[in-house]
Structures are given as structure tokens and as C-alpha cells.
Protein backbone atom coordinates (compact mmCIF):
# COMPACT_ATOMS: atom_id res chain seq x y z
CA MET A 1 204.03 137.05 73.52
CA LYS A 2 204.41 133.54 74.96
CA SER A 3 206.60 132.90 77.89
CA PRO A 4 209.52 130.60 77.08
CA GLY A 5 208.25 127.95 79.50
CA PRO A 6 209.85 126.60 82.61
CA GLU A 7 213.55 126.09 82.45
CA PHE A 8 215.00 123.13 84.30
CA PRO A 9 218.54 123.05 85.50
CA PRO A 10 220.45 120.16 83.89
CA ASP A 11 220.60 118.31 87.23
CA ASP A 12 216.80 118.04 87.50
CA ARG A 13 216.30 116.28 84.17
CA GLN A 14 215.11 112.72 84.16
CA PRO A 15 217.14 110.17 82.21
CA SER A 16 215.84 109.58 78.71
CA ARG A 17 213.65 106.60 77.95
CA SER A 18 216.54 105.00 76.07
CA ALA A 19 218.87 105.46 79.04
CA ARG A 20 216.31 103.91 81.41
CA ARG A 21 215.88 100.98 79.01
CA ARG A 22 219.65 100.44 78.78
CA GLU A 23 219.86 100.42 82.58
CA ALA A 24 216.96 97.95 82.79
CA LEU A 25 218.55 95.63 80.22
CA ASP A 26 221.88 95.87 82.03
CA MET A 27 220.21 94.87 85.30
CA LEU A 28 218.41 92.01 83.53
CA ALA A 29 221.74 90.74 82.15
CA PHE A 30 223.28 90.97 85.62
CA ALA A 31 220.33 89.05 87.09
CA LYS A 32 220.91 86.30 84.48
CA GLN A 33 224.59 86.16 85.47
CA LEU A 34 223.60 85.75 89.12
CA LEU A 35 221.26 82.89 88.21
CA GLU A 36 224.06 81.11 86.34
CA LEU A 37 226.23 81.08 89.46
CA PRO A 38 226.01 78.09 91.80
CA PRO A 39 223.82 78.70 94.88
CA SER A 40 226.85 78.44 97.19
CA ARG A 41 228.57 81.25 95.26
CA VAL A 42 225.45 83.45 95.35
CA ALA A 43 225.22 82.97 99.12
CA LYS A 44 228.74 84.40 99.49
CA LEU A 45 227.89 87.56 97.53
CA GLU A 46 226.76 90.61 99.46
CA LEU A 47 223.24 90.87 98.04
CA PRO A 48 220.16 92.40 99.67
CA ASP A 49 218.05 89.77 101.42
CA ASP A 50 214.99 90.18 99.20
CA VAL A 51 217.10 89.82 96.06
CA ALA A 52 218.83 86.67 97.37
CA GLU A 53 215.45 85.21 98.28
CA GLU A 54 214.03 86.02 94.84
CA ILE A 55 217.05 84.37 93.16
CA GLY A 56 216.16 81.22 95.10
CA ASN A 57 212.55 81.50 93.92
CA VAL A 58 213.55 81.91 90.28
CA ARG A 59 215.81 78.84 90.51
CA LYS A 60 212.83 76.70 91.54
CA ILE A 61 210.82 77.56 88.42
CA THR A 62 211.21 75.10 85.55
CA SER A 63 208.71 76.47 83.01
CA HIS A 64 210.53 78.58 80.44
CA ILE A 65 207.98 81.39 80.18
CA ALA A 66 207.33 81.53 83.91
CA ARG A 67 211.06 81.61 84.59
CA LYS A 68 211.52 84.43 82.08
CA ARG A 69 208.70 86.42 83.68
CA GLN A 70 210.12 85.83 87.16
CA LEU A 71 213.57 86.85 85.94
CA GLY A 72 212.06 90.14 84.78
CA HIS A 73 210.52 90.55 88.23
CA LEU A 74 213.93 89.89 89.81
CA ALA A 75 215.53 92.56 87.62
CA LYS A 76 212.77 95.03 88.58
CA LEU A 77 213.34 94.24 92.25
CA MET A 78 217.07 94.79 91.77
CA ARG A 79 216.46 98.15 90.06
CA ALA A 80 214.53 99.28 93.14
CA HIS A 81 217.79 99.03 95.10
CA ASP A 82 220.67 101.44 94.86
CA GLU A 83 223.32 100.45 92.28
CA ALA A 84 226.02 100.74 94.95
CA GLU A 85 224.54 97.76 96.79
CA PHE A 86 225.45 95.54 93.83
CA ALA A 87 228.97 96.89 93.25
CA PRO A 88 230.73 94.14 95.29
CA ALA A 89 228.64 91.43 93.58
CA ARG A 90 229.38 92.86 90.12
CA ALA A 91 233.10 92.94 90.94
CA ALA A 92 233.03 89.33 92.16
CA VAL A 93 231.21 88.14 89.01
CA ALA A 94 233.70 90.02 86.82
CA ASN A 95 236.61 88.42 88.71
CA ASP A 96 235.07 84.98 88.22
CA ARG A 97 234.77 85.58 84.47
CA GLU A 98 238.36 86.83 84.23
CA ALA A 99 239.64 83.81 86.13
CA GLY A 100 237.66 81.51 83.83
CA ALA A 101 239.07 83.24 80.77
CA ARG A 102 242.64 82.92 82.10
CA GLU A 103 242.07 79.23 82.85
CA ALA A 104 240.66 78.62 79.36
CA ALA A 105 243.61 80.41 77.77
CA ALA A 106 246.06 78.31 79.79
CA THR A 107 244.26 75.13 78.74
CA HIS A 108 244.38 76.12 75.07
CA ARG A 109 248.08 76.94 75.36
CA LEU A 110 248.81 73.52 76.91
CA GLU A 111 246.74 71.74 74.26
CA ALA A 112 248.68 73.54 71.53
CA LEU A 113 251.96 72.55 73.19
CA ARG A 114 250.82 68.91 73.38
CA GLU A 115 249.88 68.94 69.68
CA ARG A 116 253.22 70.52 68.79
CA LEU A 117 255.05 67.85 70.80
CA LEU A 118 253.13 65.13 68.96
CA ALA A 119 253.66 66.70 65.55
CA GLU A 120 257.30 67.83 65.81
CA GLY A 121 258.60 65.26 68.28
CA ASP A 122 262.17 65.72 69.51
CA THR A 123 262.48 69.24 68.07
CA ALA A 124 259.64 70.57 70.22
CA LEU A 125 260.71 68.43 73.18
CA SER A 126 264.24 69.86 73.10
CA GLY A 127 262.75 73.37 73.26
CA LEU A 128 260.64 72.33 76.25
CA ILE A 129 263.66 70.76 77.95
CA ALA A 130 265.65 73.97 77.38
CA ALA A 131 262.85 75.99 79.01
CA HIS A 132 262.50 73.54 81.91
CA PRO A 133 265.85 71.84 82.53
CA GLY A 134 264.66 69.80 85.52
CA ILE A 135 261.86 67.87 83.81
CA ASP A 136 261.78 64.13 83.33
CA HIS A 137 262.40 64.15 79.58
CA GLN A 138 262.49 60.36 79.31
CA ARG A 139 258.96 60.09 80.70
CA LEU A 140 257.73 62.84 78.35
CA ARG A 141 259.39 61.18 75.37
CA ALA A 142 257.72 57.87 76.29
CA LEU A 143 254.32 59.57 76.69
CA ILE A 144 254.71 61.25 73.29
CA ARG A 145 255.55 57.91 71.67
CA GLN A 146 252.60 56.17 73.39
CA ALA A 147 250.19 58.99 72.49
CA ARG A 148 251.21 58.82 68.83
CA GLY A 149 250.73 55.06 68.86
CA GLU A 150 247.30 55.34 70.47
CA ARG A 151 246.22 57.95 67.96
CA GLU A 152 247.45 55.93 64.96
CA ALA A 153 245.93 52.67 66.23
CA ASN A 154 242.64 54.44 67.04
CA LYS A 155 242.84 53.24 70.65
CA PRO A 156 241.64 55.08 73.77
CA LEU A 157 243.86 58.12 74.36
CA HIS A 158 245.25 57.37 77.83
CA ALA A 159 248.80 58.54 77.15
CA TYR A 160 247.45 61.56 75.29
CA ARG A 161 245.60 62.65 78.44
CA GLU A 162 248.53 61.74 80.66
CA LEU A 163 250.80 63.93 78.53
CA PHE A 164 248.40 66.84 79.04
CA ARG A 165 248.37 66.24 82.82
CA ALA A 166 252.18 66.17 82.86
CA LEU A 167 252.34 69.45 80.93
CA LYS A 168 249.74 70.97 83.24
CA SER A 169 251.65 69.98 86.36
CA LEU A 170 254.80 71.40 84.78
CA ASP A 171 252.94 74.65 84.04
CA GLU A 172 251.49 74.82 87.57
CA GLY A 173 254.92 74.18 89.02
CA GLN A 174 256.36 77.04 86.97
CA SER A 175 253.58 79.46 87.94
CA GLY A 176 254.00 78.38 91.55
CA MET A 177 257.67 79.40 91.41
CA LYS A 178 256.82 82.83 89.99
CA ALA A 179 254.28 83.69 92.69
């Protein structure tokens, strides 16, 4: 009769090949994110010295294939470190992405408001005035009129941009009051 073979407690098992590959690809993606950051931002992150130095080396490489190979080396170097060493850097990168997403959403909202003001005119402006009673509605009305004229005459969109800046300053003033 054969012996059943050695039994390993669940804690002693190695991660599966698929799990190791997922971890490696995750570290490679994180290394790419670090390379996309400006050097001044990377310097502020709490990264191990050898990893920060290797990021600088990868940045210097211009050849596509060589850069890809060096990026793989960077990810391998990062995997040699404990995951906990990268937790603050991962959190900082995630915060940067969230802030960028919030900023993009605010920009899209302001662009939609500007388009609604240009399309609907006084109807949309009266709603904006009701939401912000202290705004200079005469200036906004003039900017809307000028922006429409520029758009119809196919001229440079100076008033169009100025209207966006006015709406942005109004939005920043409102968010400043909330904070």
C-alpha cells in the first residue's frame, strides 16, 4: 500500500503560478504609473533608494524595446521588496488619480453649463442667477452674447473662453465657501 504522501499545512503552500503572474503584472502596471509621474512627484514618494534610482535610469532610455525591457527589470526589482514599502506610494498615486478625475468631472460640468447658457440664453442664466444671487449677471449676459456672435461669425472664441473662466471662478468661489 502506498503512503498518501506528505501533507502540507495550508500556510506552507506556495502561491499558484497564476497568482504569481497576477502579482507580477500588477507590479509592472504600478511601475508604469510611477514612470508617468513627473520626476519631482516621484522624488516626494517614499520609495526604496534602488527603486528610485532605477526609475531615473528607465527615464533616460529612449529606445522602445530597451525601455520595455528596463521597465520589466524595474518591476522585478520592486517585487524583491516587501509590498508594504510601496503602500504609501500606491496611496499617493491613487489620490492623484482621484483628484484628476474630480477635476475632469468639474471641467465637464462647467462646459455643459456654458453650452446650456449659450443654447438657452436667459432661461439658463436666470437659473444660474437664482443659484448664485451675488453674481454679475450683466457681465455674464454680455459674455453670452459675445460668445454667440463669435461662434456664428466663425471668429476666435475669446468670449467663449472668458465665459468658461467666469463660470470656473464662480464655481471655485462656491467650493471655497463650503470648505
